[in-house]
Amino acid sequence: MSNLVLWSTLTVLFFGTPQALTGQNASKPSVQMTRVGLAHLVSVQVTVFSPLKDLLVPYCTEDASKTEYLCLLPSFLEIQTSQGWRKMELRHGGVLGSVPADQRKAQLIPAGKSRDFSFEFRTEEFEVEHGQRLRVVVAAWPDERSMRADEPPILLTSQPFQCP
């Protein structure tokens, strides 16, 4: 299967336009392949623990297994550079959108408890390469009022990991 995908990608790049299949009747419905790409999705499981006080952590979506996914904003990625840690930049410029503070879903983490979240990103979207050291910065608030008011968050930083 991977050979077919690779061959198809090279064909599209070489010819540049979709090619009609030979012997196809022009009056019948058809499907043409116009582009094939490979997305490298990196998924990180993050466990947030709050030993002394309640924390509220916003998330964007959850899947059928009830896994909650952190939003790329207000949470974010950092990359280690020769000048230290810096916020990850988009590969082709632009700005990431954010869920407005008054519309965020949030999970309460009671004092002394922990909660698992997933954090996902596509390497094609960010200035990151295989082997670079990254970390996830999770935004949290002490209560719903401060989160909805978009007050400055408490930033919790994961341990570093290498980009696969």
N, C-alpha and C. Protein backbone atom coordinates (compact mmCIF):
# COMPACT_ATOMS: atom_id res chain seq x y z
N MET A 1 0.82 -1.20 0.00
CA MET A 1 0.00 0.00 0.00
C MET A 1 0.86 1.26 0.00
N SER A 2 1.96 1.28 0.78
CA SER A 2 2.78 2.47 0.82
C SER A 2 3.45 2.73 -0.52
N ASN A 3 3.79 1.68 -1.29
CA ASN A 3 4.36 1.88 -2.62
C ASN A 3 3.36 2.56 -3.54
N LEU A 4 2.09 2.21 -3.44
CA LEU A 4 1.06 2.82 -4.25
C LEU A 4 0.94 4.30 -3.92
N VAL A 5 0.92 4.65 -2.65
CA VAL A 5 0.81 6.05 -2.24
C VAL A 5 2.02 6.83 -2.72
N LEU A 6 3.22 6.29 -2.55
CA LEU A 6 4.42 6.97 -2.99
C LEU A 6 4.38 7.17 -4.50
N TRP A 7 4.04 6.14 -5.25
CA TRP A 7 3.97 6.26 -6.70
C TRP A 7 2.94 7.30 -7.11
N SER A 8 1.79 7.28 -6.48
CA SER A 8 0.74 8.24 -6.81
C SER A 8 1.20 9.66 -6.53
N THR A 9 1.91 9.87 -5.43
CA THR A 9 2.41 11.20 -5.10
C THR A 9 3.37 11.68 -6.18
N LEU A 10 4.28 10.82 -6.60
CA LEU A 10 5.24 11.20 -7.64
C LEU A 10 4.54 11.48 -8.95
N THR A 11 3.52 10.72 -9.27
CA THR A 11 2.78 10.94 -10.51
C THR A 11 2.11 12.31 -10.50
N VAL A 12 1.45 12.65 -9.44
CA VAL A 12 0.77 13.93 -9.35
C VAL A 12 1.78 15.08 -9.43
N LEU A 13 2.88 14.95 -8.72
CA LEU A 13 3.88 16.00 -8.76
C LEU A 13 4.51 16.13 -10.14
N PHE A 14 4.73 15.02 -10.82
CA PHE A 14 5.37 15.06 -12.12
C PHE A 14 4.45 15.66 -13.19
N PHE A 15 3.22 15.18 -13.24
CA PHE A 15 2.30 15.67 -14.26
C PHE A 15 1.65 16.99 -13.90
N GLY A 16 1.45 17.24 -12.62
CA GLY A 16 0.93 18.53 -12.17
C GLY A 16 -0.57 18.70 -12.28
N THR A 17 -1.24 17.92 -13.09
CA THR A 17 -2.69 18.03 -13.22
C THR A 17 -3.30 16.65 -13.15
N PRO A 18 -4.56 16.55 -12.79
CA PRO A 18 -5.19 15.24 -12.73
C PRO A 18 -5.24 14.61 -14.12
N GLN A 19 -5.02 13.31 -14.19
CA GLN A 19 -5.03 12.59 -15.45
C GLN A 19 -6.27 11.70 -15.51
N ALA A 20 -7.00 11.77 -16.61
CA ALA A 20 -8.17 10.91 -16.79
C ALA A 20 -7.69 9.50 -17.07
N LEU A 21 -8.40 8.51 -16.56
CA LEU A 21 -8.06 7.12 -16.82
C LEU A 21 -8.39 6.78 -18.27
N THR A 22 -7.53 6.01 -18.93
CA THR A 22 -7.79 5.64 -20.32
C THR A 22 -8.95 4.67 -20.37
N GLY A 23 -9.72 4.76 -21.44
CA GLY A 23 -10.85 3.86 -21.62
C GLY A 23 -12.06 4.27 -20.80
N GLN A 24 -12.02 5.38 -20.13
CA GLN A 24 -13.13 5.81 -19.30
C GLN A 24 -14.18 6.51 -20.16
N ASN A 25 -15.43 6.22 -19.93
CA ASN A 25 -16.51 6.86 -20.66
C ASN A 25 -16.75 8.24 -20.06
N ALA A 26 -16.64 9.29 -20.86
CA ALA A 26 -16.78 10.67 -20.37
C ALA A 26 -18.17 10.98 -19.84
N SER A 27 -19.19 10.17 -20.20
CA SER A 27 -20.55 10.44 -19.74
C SER A 27 -20.87 9.76 -18.41
N LYS A 28 -19.95 8.96 -17.88
CA LYS A 28 -20.19 8.27 -16.61
C LYS A 28 -19.49 9.02 -15.47
N PRO A 29 -20.04 8.90 -14.25
CA PRO A 29 -19.36 9.51 -13.11
C PRO A 29 -17.96 8.92 -12.95
N SER A 30 -17.05 9.72 -12.48
CA SER A 30 -15.69 9.24 -12.29
C SER A 30 -15.06 9.92 -11.07
N VAL A 31 -13.96 9.39 -10.68
CA VAL A 31 -13.19 9.96 -9.57
C VAL A 31 -11.79 10.20 -10.08
N GLN A 32 -11.26 11.38 -9.84
CA GLN A 32 -9.90 11.69 -10.23
C GLN A 32 -9.11 12.06 -8.99
N MET A 33 -7.88 11.64 -8.95
CA MET A 33 -7.00 11.99 -7.84
C MET A 33 -6.27 13.27 -8.23
N THR A 34 -6.41 14.31 -7.42
CA THR A 34 -5.76 15.57 -7.74
C THR A 34 -4.55 15.85 -6.85
N ARG A 35 -4.49 15.19 -5.69
CA ARG A 35 -3.36 15.42 -4.79
C ARG A 35 -3.30 14.32 -3.75
N VAL A 36 -2.10 13.90 -3.43
CA VAL A 36 -1.88 12.93 -2.38
C VAL A 36 -0.82 13.52 -1.47
N GLY A 37 -1.03 13.47 -0.18
CA GLY A 37 -0.04 13.99 0.74
C GLY A 37 0.12 13.08 1.94
N LEU A 38 1.17 13.30 2.66
CA LEU A 38 1.43 12.54 3.86
C LEU A 38 1.49 13.50 5.03
N ALA A 39 0.66 13.30 6.03
CA ALA A 39 0.66 14.16 7.20
C ALA A 39 1.30 13.40 8.36
N HIS A 40 2.24 14.04 9.00
CA HIS A 40 2.88 13.45 10.17
C HIS A 40 2.22 14.03 11.41
N LEU A 41 1.34 13.26 12.01
CA LEU A 41 0.62 13.70 13.20
C LEU A 41 1.36 13.18 14.42
N VAL A 42 1.74 14.11 15.30
CA VAL A 42 2.40 13.74 16.54
C VAL A 42 1.36 13.87 17.65
N SER A 43 1.20 12.81 18.42
CA SER A 43 0.25 12.80 19.52
C SER A 43 1.00 12.57 20.82
N VAL A 44 0.76 13.43 21.78
CA VAL A 44 1.43 13.37 23.07
C VAL A 44 0.37 13.24 24.15
N GLN A 45 0.52 12.27 25.03
CA GLN A 45 -0.39 12.19 26.18
C GLN A 45 0.20 13.01 27.30
N VAL A 46 -0.60 13.89 27.85
CA VAL A 46 -0.18 14.80 28.91
C VAL A 46 -1.04 14.52 30.14
N THR A 47 -0.40 14.33 31.28
CA THR A 47 -1.12 14.16 32.53
C THR A 47 -0.90 15.41 33.37
N VAL A 48 -1.97 16.08 33.71
CA VAL A 48 -1.90 17.28 34.53
C VAL A 48 -2.25 16.89 35.96
N PHE A 49 -1.37 17.21 36.88
CA PHE A 49 -1.55 16.90 38.31
C PHE A 49 -1.53 18.19 39.10
N SER A 50 -2.47 18.34 40.00
CA SER A 50 -2.53 19.53 40.84
C SER A 50 -2.51 19.10 42.31
N PRO A 51 -1.37 19.22 42.97
CA PRO A 51 -1.27 18.69 44.32
C PRO A 51 -2.02 19.47 45.39
N LEU A 52 -2.10 20.81 45.26
CA LEU A 52 -2.62 21.60 46.37
C LEU A 52 -3.93 22.34 46.12
N LYS A 53 -4.24 22.65 44.87
CA LYS A 53 -5.46 23.42 44.62
C LYS A 53 -6.13 22.96 43.33
N ASP A 54 -7.42 23.25 43.21
CA ASP A 54 -8.16 22.92 42.00
C ASP A 54 -7.60 23.71 40.81
N LEU A 55 -7.61 23.08 39.65
CA LEU A 55 -7.23 23.76 38.41
C LEU A 55 -8.27 23.47 37.35
N LEU A 56 -8.47 24.42 36.47
CA LEU A 56 -9.38 24.27 35.34
C LEU A 56 -8.54 24.30 34.07
N VAL A 57 -8.63 23.23 33.27
CA VAL A 57 -7.84 23.12 32.04
C VAL A 57 -8.80 23.09 30.85
N PRO A 58 -8.66 24.05 29.92
CA PRO A 58 -9.53 24.05 28.74
C PRO A 58 -9.08 23.01 27.72
N TYR A 59 -10.06 22.47 27.00
CA TYR A 59 -9.77 21.54 25.92
C TYR A 59 -10.73 21.85 24.77
N CYS A 60 -10.37 21.39 23.57
CA CYS A 60 -11.17 21.73 22.38
C CYS A 60 -12.17 20.65 21.99
N THR A 61 -11.70 19.40 21.95
CA THR A 61 -12.57 18.32 21.49
C THR A 61 -12.34 17.07 22.32
N GLU A 62 -13.24 16.13 22.16
CA GLU A 62 -13.04 14.79 22.72
C GLU A 62 -13.52 13.79 21.69
N ASP A 63 -12.92 12.61 21.72
CA ASP A 63 -13.30 11.59 20.74
C ASP A 63 -14.27 10.59 21.37
N ALA A 64 -14.59 9.56 20.63
CA ALA A 64 -15.56 8.56 21.08
C ALA A 64 -15.12 7.87 22.37
N SER A 65 -13.81 7.78 22.59
CA SER A 65 -13.32 7.15 23.82
C SER A 65 -13.24 8.13 24.98
N LYS A 66 -13.76 9.34 24.78
CA LYS A 66 -13.80 10.40 25.80
C LYS A 66 -12.42 10.99 26.10
N THR A 67 -11.45 10.78 25.19
CA THR A 67 -10.14 11.41 25.32
C THR A 67 -10.31 12.89 25.02
N GLU A 68 -9.82 13.73 25.90
CA GLU A 68 -9.94 15.18 25.71
C GLU A 68 -8.64 15.71 25.11
N TYR A 69 -8.78 16.54 24.06
CA TYR A 69 -7.64 17.07 23.33
C TYR A 69 -7.44 18.54 23.68
N LEU A 70 -6.23 18.85 24.14
CA LEU A 70 -5.90 20.24 24.44
C LEU A 70 -5.90 21.06 23.15
N CYS A 71 -6.34 22.30 23.25
CA CYS A 71 -6.31 23.22 22.11
C CYS A 71 -4.87 23.69 21.89
N LEU A 72 -4.50 23.95 20.63
CA LEU A 72 -3.18 24.51 20.36
C LEU A 72 -3.04 25.89 20.97
N LEU A 73 -4.11 26.57 21.19
CA LEU A 73 -4.14 27.79 21.99
C LEU A 73 -5.36 27.67 22.89
N PRO A 74 -5.24 27.88 24.15
CA PRO A 74 -4.20 28.57 24.89
C PRO A 74 -2.97 27.71 25.22
N SER A 75 -3.06 26.37 25.16
CA SER A 75 -1.86 25.55 25.34
C SER A 75 -1.02 25.67 24.07
N PHE A 76 0.27 25.35 24.16
CA PHE A 76 1.13 25.50 22.99
C PHE A 76 2.38 24.65 23.12
N LEU A 77 3.15 24.61 22.03
CA LEU A 77 4.41 23.88 21.98
C LEU A 77 5.58 24.83 22.12
N GLU A 78 6.64 24.36 22.74
CA GLU A 78 7.90 25.09 22.76
C GLU A 78 8.98 24.19 22.16
N ILE A 79 9.96 24.82 21.53
CA ILE A 79 11.08 24.11 20.93
C ILE A 79 12.37 24.60 21.57
N GLN A 80 13.31 23.69 21.78
CA GLN A 80 14.58 24.07 22.37
C GLN A 80 15.52 24.55 21.26
N THR A 81 16.06 25.74 21.44
CA THR A 81 17.00 26.31 20.49
C THR A 81 18.32 26.59 21.22
N SER A 82 19.31 27.05 20.49
CA SER A 82 20.59 27.41 21.12
C SER A 82 20.42 28.60 22.05
N GLN A 83 19.35 29.39 21.89
CA GLN A 83 19.07 30.52 22.78
C GLN A 83 18.09 30.16 23.91
N GLY A 84 17.75 28.90 24.03
CA GLY A 84 16.81 28.46 25.06
C GLY A 84 15.49 28.03 24.45
N TRP A 85 14.46 27.92 25.29
CA TRP A 85 13.14 27.47 24.84
C TRP A 85 12.37 28.65 24.25
N ARG A 86 11.69 28.41 23.11
CA ARG A 86 10.85 29.43 22.50
C ARG A 86 9.56 28.79 22.00
N LYS A 87 8.53 29.62 21.93
CA LYS A 87 7.24 29.15 21.43
C LYS A 87 7.39 28.72 19.98
N MET A 88 6.76 27.61 19.62
CA MET A 88 6.83 27.06 18.28
C MET A 88 6.15 27.99 17.29
N GLU A 89 6.78 28.19 16.14
CA GLU A 89 6.24 29.04 15.08
C GLU A 89 5.63 28.18 13.98
N LEU A 90 4.64 28.73 13.30
CA LEU A 90 4.08 28.05 12.14
C LEU A 90 5.11 28.06 11.01
N ARG A 91 5.16 27.00 10.25
CA ARG A 91 6.15 26.84 9.19
C ARG A 91 6.00 27.90 8.09
N HIS A 92 4.79 28.27 7.75
CA HIS A 92 4.55 29.19 6.63
C HIS A 92 3.93 30.50 7.09
N GLY A 93 4.29 30.96 8.28
CA GLY A 93 3.73 32.22 8.78
C GLY A 93 2.29 32.06 9.20
N GLY A 94 1.64 33.15 9.43
CA GLY A 94 0.25 33.13 9.83
C GLY A 94 0.10 33.05 11.34
N VAL A 95 -1.13 32.97 11.77
CA VAL A 95 -1.45 32.97 13.20
C VAL A 95 -2.45 31.86 13.47
N LEU A 96 -2.26 31.14 14.55
CA LEU A 96 -3.22 30.13 14.96
C LEU A 96 -4.46 30.79 15.53
N GLY A 97 -5.60 30.20 15.26
CA GLY A 97 -6.83 30.69 15.86
C GLY A 97 -6.97 30.15 17.27
N SER A 98 -7.84 30.73 18.03
CA SER A 98 -8.06 30.31 19.41
C SER A 98 -9.55 30.25 19.68
N VAL A 99 -9.94 29.34 20.55
CA VAL A 99 -11.32 29.28 21.00
C VAL A 99 -11.53 30.45 21.97
N PRO A 100 -12.54 31.29 21.73
CA PRO A 100 -12.78 32.41 22.65
C PRO A 100 -12.96 31.91 24.09
N ALA A 101 -12.46 32.69 25.03
CA ALA A 101 -12.47 32.30 26.45
C ALA A 101 -13.87 31.93 26.94
N ASP A 102 -14.90 32.64 26.47
CA ASP A 102 -16.25 32.37 26.96
C ASP A 102 -16.88 31.13 26.31
N GLN A 103 -16.20 30.51 25.33
CA GLN A 103 -16.74 29.33 24.67
C GLN A 103 -15.90 28.07 24.91
N ARG A 104 -14.90 28.15 25.74
CA ARG A 104 -14.02 27.01 25.99
C ARG A 104 -14.72 25.94 26.81
N LYS A 105 -14.45 24.67 26.45
CA LYS A 105 -14.81 23.56 27.31
C LYS A 105 -13.70 23.47 28.34
N ALA A 106 -14.00 23.00 29.51
CA ALA A 106 -12.96 22.92 30.54
C ALA A 106 -13.17 21.70 31.43
N GLN A 107 -12.06 21.19 31.90
CA GLN A 107 -12.08 20.05 32.81
C GLN A 107 -11.51 20.50 34.16
N LEU A 108 -12.27 20.28 35.21
CA LEU A 108 -11.81 20.61 36.56
C LEU A 108 -10.92 19.47 37.06
N ILE A 109 -9.76 19.84 37.56
CA ILE A 109 -8.86 18.87 38.18
C ILE A 109 -8.82 19.22 39.67
N PRO A 110 -9.48 18.43 40.51
CA PRO A 110 -9.49 18.73 41.95
C PRO A 110 -8.09 18.60 42.56
N ALA A 111 -7.86 19.31 43.63
CA ALA A 111 -6.58 19.24 44.34
C ALA A 111 -6.27 17.78 44.69
N GLY A 112 -5.03 17.39 44.46
CA GLY A 112 -4.59 16.04 44.76
C GLY A 112 -4.94 15.01 43.69
N LYS A 113 -5.52 15.45 42.58
CA LYS A 113 -5.93 14.54 41.50
C LYS A 113 -5.17 14.87 40.22
N SER A 114 -5.30 13.98 39.23
CA SER A 114 -4.69 14.20 37.93
C SER A 114 -5.70 13.90 36.84
N ARG A 115 -5.39 14.37 35.64
CA ARG A 115 -6.27 14.16 34.49
C ARG A 115 -5.41 14.02 33.25
N ASP A 116 -5.75 13.07 32.37
CA ASP A 116 -5.02 12.87 31.13
C ASP A 116 -5.68 13.64 29.99
N PHE A 117 -4.83 14.21 29.15
CA PHE A 117 -5.25 14.90 27.95
C PHE A 117 -4.35 14.44 26.80
N SER A 118 -4.83 14.61 25.58
CA SER A 118 -3.98 14.42 24.41
C SER A 118 -3.68 15.77 23.81
N PHE A 119 -2.49 15.89 23.24
CA PHE A 119 -2.08 17.10 22.55
C PHE A 119 -1.53 16.65 21.21
N GLU A 120 -2.10 17.14 20.11
CA GLU A 120 -1.69 16.70 18.79
C GLU A 120 -1.31 17.88 17.92
N PHE A 121 -0.32 17.63 17.04
CA PHE A 121 0.07 18.64 16.06
C PHE A 121 0.66 17.95 14.84
N ARG A 122 0.59 18.63 13.73
CA ARG A 122 1.15 18.13 12.47
C ARG A 122 2.50 18.79 12.24
N THR A 123 3.51 17.97 11.99
CA THR A 123 4.86 18.51 11.80
C THR A 123 4.92 19.40 10.56
N GLU A 124 4.05 19.19 9.59
CA GLU A 124 4.04 20.03 8.39
C GLU A 124 3.61 21.46 8.70
N GLU A 125 2.88 21.67 9.78
CA GLU A 125 2.37 23.00 10.12
C GLU A 125 3.36 23.83 10.93
N PHE A 126 4.31 23.17 11.60
CA PHE A 126 5.21 23.88 12.50
C PHE A 126 6.65 23.74 12.07
N GLU A 127 7.48 24.68 12.48
CA GLU A 127 8.91 24.65 12.18
C GLU A 127 9.59 23.66 13.12
N VAL A 128 9.42 22.37 12.84
CA VAL A 128 9.99 21.31 13.66
C VAL A 128 10.45 20.18 12.75
N GLU A 129 11.55 19.57 13.13
CA GLU A 129 12.09 18.45 12.37
C GLU A 129 12.29 17.26 13.30
N HIS A 130 12.43 16.11 12.72
CA HIS A 130 12.68 14.87 13.45
C HIS A 130 13.87 15.06 14.41
N GLY A 131 13.69 14.65 15.65
CA GLY A 131 14.77 14.68 16.63
C GLY A 131 14.88 15.96 17.45
N GLN A 132 14.18 17.02 17.06
CA GLN A 132 14.26 18.25 17.85
C GLN A 132 13.55 18.07 19.19
N ARG A 133 14.05 18.77 20.20
CA ARG A 133 13.45 18.68 21.53
C ARG A 133 12.30 19.67 21.67
N LEU A 134 11.16 19.13 22.13
CA LEU A 134 9.94 19.91 22.29
C LEU A 134 9.40 19.72 23.70
N ARG A 135 8.50 20.59 24.06
CA ARG A 135 7.72 20.39 25.29
C ARG A 135 6.37 21.06 25.12
N VAL A 136 5.39 20.57 25.86
CA VAL A 136 4.03 21.11 25.82
C VAL A 136 3.85 22.03 27.02
N VAL A 137 3.29 23.20 26.75
CA VAL A 137 2.95 24.15 27.82
C VAL A 137 1.43 24.17 27.91
N VAL A 138 0.91 23.76 29.06
CA VAL A 138 -0.53 23.67 29.28
C VAL A 138 -0.99 24.89 30.06
N ALA A 139 -2.02 25.56 29.54
CA ALA A 139 -2.61 26.71 30.22
C ALA A 139 -3.71 26.21 31.15
N ALA A 140 -3.72 26.71 32.37
CA ALA A 140 -4.74 26.33 33.37
C ALA A 140 -5.13 27.58 34.15
N TRP A 141 -6.29 27.53 34.78
CA TRP A 141 -6.77 28.65 35.59
C TRP A 141 -7.25 28.11 36.93
N PRO A 142 -7.27 28.95 37.95
CA PRO A 142 -7.72 28.49 39.27
C PRO A 142 -9.23 28.26 39.36
N ASP A 143 -9.99 28.91 38.46
CA ASP A 143 -11.46 28.77 38.50
C ASP A 143 -12.05 29.18 37.15
N GLU A 144 -13.33 28.90 37.00
CA GLU A 144 -14.00 29.19 35.73
C GLU A 144 -14.10 30.69 35.47
N ARG A 145 -14.35 31.49 36.49
CA ARG A 145 -14.47 32.93 36.32
C ARG A 145 -13.20 33.53 35.70
N SER A 146 -12.04 33.14 36.23
CA SER A 146 -10.78 33.70 35.71
C SER A 146 -10.49 33.20 34.29
N MET A 147 -10.89 31.97 33.98
CA MET A 147 -10.70 31.47 32.62
C MET A 147 -11.61 32.22 31.64
N ARG A 148 -12.89 32.37 31.98
CA ARG A 148 -13.84 33.06 31.10
C ARG A 148 -13.48 34.53 30.92
N ALA A 149 -12.87 35.13 31.93
CA ALA A 149 -12.43 36.53 31.84
C ALA A 149 -11.10 36.64 31.09
N ASP A 150 -10.54 35.51 30.70
CA ASP A 150 -9.26 35.44 29.98
C ASP A 150 -8.13 36.11 30.75
N GLU A 151 -8.15 35.91 32.07
CA GLU A 151 -7.06 36.40 32.91
C GLU A 151 -5.80 35.59 32.59
N PRO A 152 -4.63 36.09 32.92
CA PRO A 152 -3.39 35.34 32.63
C PRO A 152 -3.45 33.94 33.25
N PRO A 153 -3.10 32.91 32.45
CA PRO A 153 -3.18 31.54 32.95
C PRO A 153 -1.98 31.15 33.80
N ILE A 154 -2.13 30.05 34.48
CA ILE A 154 -1.02 29.36 35.13
C ILE A 154 -0.45 28.46 34.03
N LEU A 155 0.84 28.59 33.73
CA LEU A 155 1.45 27.79 32.66
C LEU A 155 2.20 26.62 33.26
N LEU A 156 1.80 25.42 32.88
CA LEU A 156 2.40 24.18 33.35
C LEU A 156 3.19 23.57 32.20
N THR A 157 4.46 23.27 32.42
CA THR A 157 5.34 22.81 31.35
C THR A 157 5.68 21.33 31.52
N SER A 158 5.54 20.58 30.42
CA SER A 158 5.87 19.16 30.44
C SER A 158 7.38 18.97 30.39
N GLN A 159 7.79 17.74 30.63
CA GLN A 159 9.20 17.41 30.43
C GLN A 159 9.46 17.38 28.92
N PRO A 160 10.69 17.65 28.50
CA PRO A 160 11.02 17.65 27.08
C PRO A 160 10.91 16.25 26.46
N PHE A 161 10.62 16.22 25.16
CA PHE A 161 10.59 14.97 24.40
C PHE A 161 11.14 15.27 23.00
N GLN A 162 11.58 14.23 22.32
CA GLN A 162 12.09 14.41 20.96
C GLN A 162 10.98 14.22 19.95
N CYS A 163 10.96 15.09 18.95
CA CYS A 163 9.97 14.96 17.89
C CYS A 163 10.26 13.70 17.09
N PRO A 164 9.29 12.81 16.97
CA PRO A 164 9.53 11.57 16.23
C PRO A 164 9.72 11.82 14.74
